[in-house]
Amino acid sequence: MKGEAMTIFGDGEQQRAFTHINDVASVIADSVDVPAAHNQVFNVGADIPHTVNHLAEIVAGAMGKACRVTHLDPRNEVKIAFSDHSRAENAFGKRQKVSLEDGIRSMAAW
């Protein structure tokens, strides 16, 4: 509906490192050809955490809309969540990652 607000649980200041699928899929696809990856477990994902409020602003901007948010009662969740990817970088090398802004723009264009 026109003019609807996005819904965010809590104050929106919880932080997550949002990851583009291309960053994960390429590592999974390459893992069969990387001997250092055999029988190992890796954290694969974005390195930079963003607040959910910032995500809402980026989504609204990519859709050409004003950022309107309705905050609901907070859920019982972790306030800050992101992981260390150094082990994956040691096995697969440092890779260029899709930024949150670029990933959201490509999603909006799609």
C-alpha atoms as a PDB file:
ATOM      1  CA  MET A   1       0.000   0.000   0.000  1.00  0.00           C
ATOM      2  CA  LYS A   2       1.143   3.518  -0.704  1.00  0.00           C
ATOM      3  CA  GLY A   3       2.666   5.319   2.263  1.00  0.00           C
ATOM      4  CA  GLU A   4       3.178   2.274   4.477  1.00  0.00           C
ATOM      5  CA  ALA A   5       5.986   2.269   7.002  1.00  0.00           C
ATOM      6  CA  MET A   6       8.631  -0.388   7.478  1.00  0.00           C
ATOM      7  CA  THR A   7       8.427  -2.252  10.770  1.00  0.00           C
ATOM      8  CA  ILE A   8      11.450  -2.508  13.065  1.00  0.00           C
ATOM      9  CA  PHE A   9      11.468  -4.337  16.364  1.00  0.00           C
ATOM     10  CA  GLY A  10      13.006  -2.248  19.145  1.00  0.00           C
ATOM     11  CA  ASP A  11      14.858   1.017  18.630  1.00  0.00           C
ATOM     12  CA  GLY A  12      16.584  -0.135  15.430  1.00  0.00           C
ATOM     13  CA  GLU A  13      20.049   0.402  16.861  1.00  0.00           C
ATOM     14  CA  GLN A  14      20.790  -3.332  16.891  1.00  0.00           C
ATOM     15  CA  GLN A  15      23.679  -4.070  14.528  1.00  0.00           C
ATOM     16  CA  ARG A  16      24.100  -6.770  11.923  1.00  0.00           C
ATOM     17  CA  ALA A  17      26.632  -7.406   9.169  1.00  0.00           C
ATOM     18  CA  PHE A  18      24.284  -7.939   6.217  1.00  0.00           C
ATOM     19  CA  THR A  19      25.787 -10.222   3.575  1.00  0.00           C
ATOM     20  CA  HIS A  20      25.092 -10.344  -0.161  1.00  0.00           C
ATOM     21  CA  ILE A  21      24.459 -13.836  -1.538  1.00  0.00           C
ATOM     22  CA  ASN A  22      27.235 -13.443  -4.128  1.00  0.00           C
ATOM     23  CA  ASP A  23      29.780 -13.160  -1.313  1.00  0.00           C
ATOM     24  CA  VAL A  24      28.671 -16.462   0.194  1.00  0.00           C
ATOM     25  CA  ALA A  25      27.921 -18.448  -2.963  1.00  0.00           C
ATOM     26  CA  SER A  26      31.345 -17.847  -4.496  1.00  0.00           C
ATOM     27  CA  VAL A  27      33.134 -19.174  -1.413  1.00  0.00           C
ATOM     28  CA  ILE A  28      30.899 -22.246  -1.291  1.00  0.00           C
ATOM     29  CA  ALA A  29      31.463 -22.910  -4.996  1.00  0.00           C
ATOM     30  CA  ASP A  30      35.229 -22.477  -4.685  1.00  0.00           C
ATOM     31  CA  SER A  31      35.536 -24.572  -1.527  1.00  0.00           C
ATOM     32  CA  VAL A  32      35.738 -27.889  -3.391  1.00  0.00           C
ATOM     33  CA  ASP A  33      38.891 -26.695  -5.182  1.00  0.00           C
ATOM     34  CA  VAL A  34      40.680 -25.272  -2.118  1.00  0.00           C
ATOM     35  CA  PRO A  35      42.492 -28.021  -0.188  1.00  0.00           C
ATOM     36  CA  ALA A  36      42.776 -25.777   2.902  1.00  0.00           C
ATOM     37  CA  ALA A  37      38.958 -25.708   3.044  1.00  0.00           C
ATOM     38  CA  HIS A  38      38.421 -29.464   3.161  1.00  0.00           C
ATOM     39  CA  ASN A  39      36.738 -30.588   6.402  1.00  0.00           C
ATOM     40  CA  GLN A  40      36.843 -27.062   7.808  1.00  0.00           C
ATOM     41  CA  VAL A  41      34.167 -24.669   9.056  1.00  0.00           C
ATOM     42  CA  PHE A  42      34.285 -20.972   8.145  1.00  0.00           C
ATOM     43  CA  ASN A  43      32.409 -17.787   8.942  1.00  0.00           C
ATOM     44  CA  VAL A  44      31.617 -16.199   5.582  1.00  0.00           C
ATOM     45  CA  GLY A  45      29.965 -12.829   5.338  1.00  0.00           C
ATOM     46  CA  ALA A  46      30.144  -9.080   5.559  1.00  0.00           C
ATOM     47  CA  ASP A  47      32.710  -7.402   7.783  1.00  0.00           C
ATOM     48  CA  ILE A  48      30.953  -4.111   8.507  1.00  0.00           C
ATOM     49  CA  PRO A  49      27.978  -4.022  10.880  1.00  0.00           C
ATOM     50  CA  HIS A  50      25.128  -1.579  10.230  1.00  0.00           C
ATOM     51  CA  THR A  51      22.158  -0.659  12.375  1.00  0.00           C
ATOM     52  CA  VAL A  52      18.726  -1.820  11.304  1.00  0.00           C
ATOM     53  CA  ASN A  53      17.741   1.862  11.157  1.00  0.00           C
ATOM     54  CA  HIS A  54      20.534   2.465   8.617  1.00  0.00           C
ATOM     55  CA  LEU A  55      19.337  -0.538   6.608  1.00  0.00           C
ATOM     56  CA  ALA A  56      15.832   0.970   6.521  1.00  0.00           C
ATOM     57  CA  GLU A  57      17.244   4.259   5.203  1.00  0.00           C
ATOM     58  CA  ILE A  58      19.188   2.470   2.461  1.00  0.00           C
ATOM     59  CA  VAL A  59      16.186   0.362   1.425  1.00  0.00           C
ATOM     60  CA  ALA A  60      13.897   3.396   1.299  1.00  0.00           C
ATOM     61  CA  GLY A  61      16.441   5.375  -0.732  1.00  0.00           C
ATOM     62  CA  ALA A  62      16.977   2.516  -3.194  1.00  0.00           C
ATOM     63  CA  MET A  63      13.217   2.308  -3.695  1.00  0.00           C
ATOM     64  CA  GLY A  64      12.922   6.061  -4.135  1.00  0.00           C
ATOM     65  CA  LYS A  65      10.736   6.414  -1.054  1.00  0.00           C
ATOM     66  CA  ALA A  66      10.851   8.411   2.141  1.00  0.00           C
ATOM     67  CA  CYS A  67      12.096   6.379   5.102  1.00  0.00           C
ATOM     68  CA  ARG A  68       9.078   5.824   7.308  1.00  0.00           C
ATOM     69  CA  VAL A  69       9.511   3.391  10.191  1.00  0.00           C
ATOM     70  CA  THR A  70       7.175   2.013  12.818  1.00  0.00           C
ATOM     71  CA  HIS A  71       9.053   0.714  15.865  1.00  0.00           C
ATOM     72  CA  LEU A  72       7.457  -2.220  17.671  1.00  0.00           C
ATOM     73  CA  ASP A  73       8.336  -3.653  21.056  1.00  0.00           C
ATOM     74  CA  PRO A  74      11.840  -5.129  21.066  1.00  0.00           C
ATOM     75  CA  ARG A  75      12.385  -8.847  20.696  1.00  0.00           C
ATOM     76  CA  ASN A  76      14.711 -10.874  22.872  1.00  0.00           C
ATOM     77  CA  GLU A  77      17.696 -10.790  20.520  1.00  0.00           C
ATOM     78  CA  VAL A  78      21.400 -10.100  20.391  1.00  0.00           C
ATOM     79  CA  LYS A  79      22.134  -6.365  20.122  1.00  0.00           C
ATOM     80  CA  ILE A  80      25.296  -6.674  17.999  1.00  0.00           C
ATOM     81  CA  ALA A  81      25.988  -9.656  15.709  1.00  0.00           C
ATOM     82  CA  PHE A  82      28.834 -10.054  13.256  1.00  0.00           C
ATOM     83  CA  SER A  83      31.682 -12.522  12.954  1.00  0.00           C
ATOM     84  CA  ASP A  84      35.409 -12.778  12.312  1.00  0.00           C
ATOM     85  CA  HIS A  85      36.202 -13.895   8.757  1.00  0.00           C
ATOM     86  CA  SER A  86      39.983 -14.126   9.051  1.00  0.00           C
ATOM     87  CA  ARG A  87      39.977 -17.920   8.853  1.00  0.00           C
ATOM     88  CA  ALA A  88      38.062 -17.837   5.554  1.00  0.00           C
ATOM     89  CA  GLU A  89      40.394 -15.129   4.232  1.00  0.00           C
ATOM     90  CA  ASN A  90      43.408 -17.296   5.099  1.00  0.00           C
ATOM     91  CA  ALA A  91      41.996 -20.198   3.080  1.00  0.00           C
ATOM     92  CA  PHE A  92      40.356 -18.352   0.170  1.00  0.00           C
ATOM     93  CA  GLY A  93      42.254 -15.059   0.110  1.00  0.00           C
ATOM     94  CA  LYS A  94      40.848 -11.612   0.746  1.00  0.00           C
ATOM     95  CA  ARG A  95      37.923 -10.980  -1.587  1.00  0.00           C
ATOM     96  CA  GLN A  96      36.115  -7.865  -2.625  1.00  0.00           C
ATOM     97  CA  LYS A  97      32.685  -7.893  -0.967  1.00  0.00           C
ATOM     98  CA  VAL A  98      29.408  -6.357  -2.087  1.00  0.00           C
ATOM     99  CA  SER A  99      28.626  -3.338   0.081  1.00  0.00           C
ATOM    100  CA  LEU A 100      25.258  -3.067   1.773  1.00  0.00           C
ATOM    101  CA  GLU A 101      24.390  -0.074  -0.400  1.00  0.00           C
ATOM    102  CA  ASP A 102      25.348  -1.818  -3.660  1.00  0.00           C
ATOM    103  CA  GLY A 103      23.523  -5.001  -2.684  1.00  0.00           C
ATOM    104  CA  ILE A 104      20.318  -3.161  -1.827  1.00  0.00           C
ATOM    105  CA  ARG A 105      20.538  -1.085  -5.026  1.00  0.00           C
ATOM    106  CA  SER A 106      20.901  -4.224  -7.135  1.00  0.00           C
ATOM    107  CA  MET A 107      17.966  -5.841  -5.322  1.00  0.00           C
ATOM    108  CA  ALA A 108      15.822  -2.765  -5.920  1.00  0.00           C
ATOM    109  CA  ALA A 109      16.763  -2.675  -9.608  1.00  0.00           C
ATOM    110  CA  TRP A 110      15.901  -6.349  -9.961  1.00  0.00           C
END
